[in-house]
Amino acid sequence: MTYDEVKRFLHKKIIVTDIDGNRIKGIFTNTVSEYDTSSGKEEIELDAGKVFYGIPLDEIKDIIEIK
């Protein structure tokens, strides 16, 4: 996905499905530049409660907002 496709979910509770079919639920808190990540890719930051995940934009298949 691109930044323009994900930015509408910023600060919302979501479920992210990655290209491998894994699903992670949490709050989309931020985007992180490719210069600041270990993967070298632009990522979203997802707060899943006790853990923060960095998920590269190009590995996100789908995002669903939880209302």
N, C-alpha and C. Protein backbone atom coordinates (compact mmCIF):
# COMPACT_ATOMS: atom_id res chain seq x y z
N MET A 1 0.84 -1.17 0.00
CA MET A 1 0.00 0.00 0.00
C MET A 1 0.89 1.24 0.00
N THR A 2 0.31 2.35 -0.34
CA THR A 2 1.04 3.61 -0.36
C THR A 2 0.65 4.45 0.86
N TYR A 3 1.43 5.49 1.11
CA TYR A 3 1.12 6.41 2.21
C TYR A 3 -0.27 7.01 2.03
N ASP A 4 -0.61 7.41 0.81
CA ASP A 4 -1.91 8.02 0.55
C ASP A 4 -3.06 7.06 0.86
N GLU A 5 -2.84 5.77 0.68
CA GLU A 5 -3.88 4.77 0.97
C GLU A 5 -4.04 4.51 2.46
N VAL A 6 -2.99 4.68 3.25
CA VAL A 6 -3.07 4.35 4.68
C VAL A 6 -3.29 5.56 5.58
N LYS A 7 -3.03 6.76 5.11
CA LYS A 7 -3.05 7.93 6.00
C LYS A 7 -4.42 8.20 6.62
N ARG A 8 -5.49 7.76 5.99
CA ARG A 8 -6.84 8.00 6.55
C ARG A 8 -7.10 7.16 7.80
N PHE A 9 -6.25 6.15 8.05
CA PHE A 9 -6.39 5.30 9.23
C PHE A 9 -5.56 5.78 10.42
N LEU A 10 -4.79 6.84 10.25
CA LEU A 10 -3.91 7.34 11.30
C LEU A 10 -4.70 7.64 12.57
N HIS A 11 -4.20 7.16 13.71
CA HIS A 11 -4.79 7.32 15.05
C HIS A 11 -6.10 6.57 15.22
N LYS A 12 -6.33 5.56 14.40
CA LYS A 12 -7.54 4.74 14.51
C LYS A 12 -7.15 3.30 14.85
N LYS A 13 -8.11 2.58 15.44
CA LYS A 13 -7.91 1.17 15.75
C LYS A 13 -8.17 0.38 14.47
N ILE A 14 -7.20 -0.47 14.08
CA ILE A 14 -7.27 -1.16 12.80
C ILE A 14 -6.81 -2.61 12.93
N ILE A 15 -7.11 -3.38 11.89
CA ILE A 15 -6.53 -4.71 11.70
C ILE A 15 -5.76 -4.64 10.39
N VAL A 16 -4.47 -4.96 10.46
CA VAL A 16 -3.60 -4.97 9.28
C VAL A 16 -3.40 -6.41 8.83
N THR A 17 -3.60 -6.67 7.55
CA THR A 17 -3.28 -7.97 6.96
C THR A 17 -2.06 -7.76 6.07
N ASP A 18 -1.01 -8.56 6.34
CA ASP A 18 0.20 -8.41 5.53
C ASP A 18 0.18 -9.37 4.33
N ILE A 19 1.21 -9.31 3.51
CA ILE A 19 1.24 -10.10 2.28
C ILE A 19 1.34 -11.60 2.54
N ASP A 20 1.70 -11.99 3.77
CA ASP A 20 1.76 -13.41 4.14
C ASP A 20 0.46 -13.90 4.78
N GLY A 21 -0.53 -13.00 4.92
CA GLY A 21 -1.81 -13.36 5.51
C GLY A 21 -1.88 -13.20 7.02
N ASN A 22 -0.81 -12.70 7.65
CA ASN A 22 -0.82 -12.45 9.09
C ASN A 22 -1.68 -11.23 9.39
N ARG A 23 -2.40 -11.27 10.50
CA ARG A 23 -3.24 -10.14 10.91
C ARG A 23 -2.78 -9.63 12.26
N ILE A 24 -2.69 -8.30 12.36
CA ILE A 24 -2.27 -7.66 13.60
C ILE A 24 -3.26 -6.55 13.90
N LYS A 25 -3.77 -6.55 15.15
CA LYS A 25 -4.73 -5.53 15.57
C LYS A 25 -4.04 -4.53 16.47
N GLY A 26 -4.34 -3.24 16.26
CA GLY A 26 -3.76 -2.21 17.10
C GLY A 26 -4.15 -0.83 16.63
N ILE A 27 -3.51 0.17 17.21
CA ILE A 27 -3.76 1.57 16.85
C ILE A 27 -2.62 2.06 15.98
N PHE A 28 -2.96 2.58 14.83
CA PHE A 28 -1.99 3.13 13.87
C PHE A 28 -1.54 4.48 14.42
N THR A 29 -0.31 4.53 14.95
CA THR A 29 0.15 5.72 15.65
C THR A 29 1.01 6.66 14.83
N ASN A 30 1.69 6.13 13.79
CA ASN A 30 2.66 6.96 13.09
C ASN A 30 3.14 6.28 11.82
N THR A 31 3.75 7.07 10.94
CA THR A 31 4.52 6.50 9.84
C THR A 31 5.99 6.82 10.11
N VAL A 32 6.86 5.94 9.64
CA VAL A 32 8.29 6.10 9.89
C VAL A 32 9.03 6.06 8.56
N SER A 33 9.90 7.03 8.36
CA SER A 33 10.68 7.15 7.13
C SER A 33 11.59 5.94 6.92
N GLU A 34 11.85 5.64 5.67
CA GLU A 34 12.76 4.53 5.34
C GLU A 34 14.16 4.76 5.89
N TYR A 35 14.52 6.00 6.19
CA TYR A 35 15.84 6.32 6.74
C TYR A 35 15.94 5.99 8.22
N ASP A 36 14.79 5.80 8.88
CA ASP A 36 14.78 5.55 10.33
C ASP A 36 14.38 4.13 10.70
N THR A 37 14.27 3.23 9.73
CA THR A 37 13.84 1.86 10.01
C THR A 37 14.95 0.86 9.72
N SER A 38 14.90 -0.26 10.41
CA SER A 38 15.90 -1.31 10.18
C SER A 38 15.67 -2.02 8.85
N SER A 39 14.42 -1.99 8.36
CA SER A 39 14.11 -2.66 7.09
C SER A 39 14.54 -1.83 5.89
N GLY A 40 14.76 -0.53 6.11
CA GLY A 40 15.10 0.35 5.00
C GLY A 40 13.90 0.72 4.15
N LYS A 41 12.70 0.46 4.69
CA LYS A 41 11.45 0.77 3.97
C LYS A 41 10.59 1.69 4.82
N GLU A 42 9.73 2.47 4.17
CA GLU A 42 8.77 3.29 4.91
C GLU A 42 7.78 2.35 5.60
N GLU A 43 7.51 2.60 6.89
CA GLU A 43 6.67 1.72 7.68
C GLU A 43 5.57 2.48 8.39
N ILE A 44 4.52 1.74 8.77
CA ILE A 44 3.55 2.28 9.72
C ILE A 44 3.95 1.74 11.09
N GLU A 45 3.63 2.49 12.12
CA GLU A 45 3.87 2.05 13.49
C GLU A 45 2.51 1.68 14.07
N LEU A 46 2.41 0.46 14.59
CA LEU A 46 1.15 -0.06 15.11
C LEU A 46 1.33 -0.40 16.58
N ASP A 47 0.53 0.24 17.45
CA ASP A 47 0.56 -0.02 18.89
C ASP A 47 -0.43 -1.15 19.17
N ALA A 48 0.10 -2.33 19.48
CA ALA A 48 -0.75 -3.50 19.73
C ALA A 48 -0.92 -3.76 21.23
N GLY A 49 -0.70 -2.76 22.05
CA GLY A 49 -0.86 -2.91 23.49
C GLY A 49 0.49 -2.95 24.18
N LYS A 50 1.06 -4.14 24.31
CA LYS A 50 2.36 -4.29 24.96
C LYS A 50 3.52 -4.19 23.98
N VAL A 51 3.22 -4.24 22.69
CA VAL A 51 4.25 -4.27 21.65
C VAL A 51 3.93 -3.26 20.56
N PHE A 52 4.97 -2.59 20.04
CA PHE A 52 4.83 -1.74 18.86
C PHE A 52 5.40 -2.50 17.67
N TYR A 53 4.65 -2.52 16.58
CA TYR A 53 5.10 -3.17 15.36
C TYR A 53 5.42 -2.12 14.31
N GLY A 54 6.48 -2.35 13.55
CA GLY A 54 6.79 -1.56 12.37
C GLY A 54 6.50 -2.42 11.16
N ILE A 55 5.52 -2.03 10.37
CA ILE A 55 5.10 -2.84 9.22
C ILE A 55 5.37 -2.05 7.94
N PRO A 56 6.26 -2.56 7.08
CA PRO A 56 6.56 -1.85 5.83
C PRO A 56 5.31 -1.65 4.96
N LEU A 57 5.17 -0.47 4.40
CA LEU A 57 4.00 -0.17 3.57
C LEU A 57 3.84 -1.15 2.42
N ASP A 58 4.95 -1.56 1.81
CA ASP A 58 4.84 -2.45 0.65
C ASP A 58 4.52 -3.90 1.03
N GLU A 59 4.42 -4.18 2.34
CA GLU A 59 4.05 -5.52 2.80
C GLU A 59 2.64 -5.56 3.37
N ILE A 60 1.91 -4.44 3.28
CA ILE A 60 0.53 -4.39 3.76
C ILE A 60 -0.41 -4.72 2.61
N LYS A 61 -1.22 -5.75 2.83
CA LYS A 61 -2.19 -6.16 1.81
C LYS A 61 -3.52 -5.44 1.99
N ASP A 62 -3.94 -5.29 3.27
CA ASP A 62 -5.26 -4.71 3.54
C ASP A 62 -5.27 -4.10 4.95
N ILE A 63 -6.11 -3.08 5.12
CA ILE A 63 -6.35 -2.48 6.43
C ILE A 63 -7.85 -2.35 6.61
N ILE A 64 -8.33 -2.78 7.78
CA ILE A 64 -9.74 -2.66 8.13
C ILE A 64 -9.83 -1.84 9.41
N GLU A 65 -10.68 -0.82 9.40
CA GLU A 65 -10.89 -0.01 10.61
C GLU A 65 -11.87 -0.71 11.53
N ILE A 66 -11.54 -0.72 12.83
CA ILE A 66 -12.43 -1.27 13.85
C ILE A 66 -13.19 -0.10 14.46
N LYS A 67 -14.48 -0.17 14.43
CA LYS A 67 -15.30 0.92 14.98
C LYS A 67 -15.86 0.57 16.33
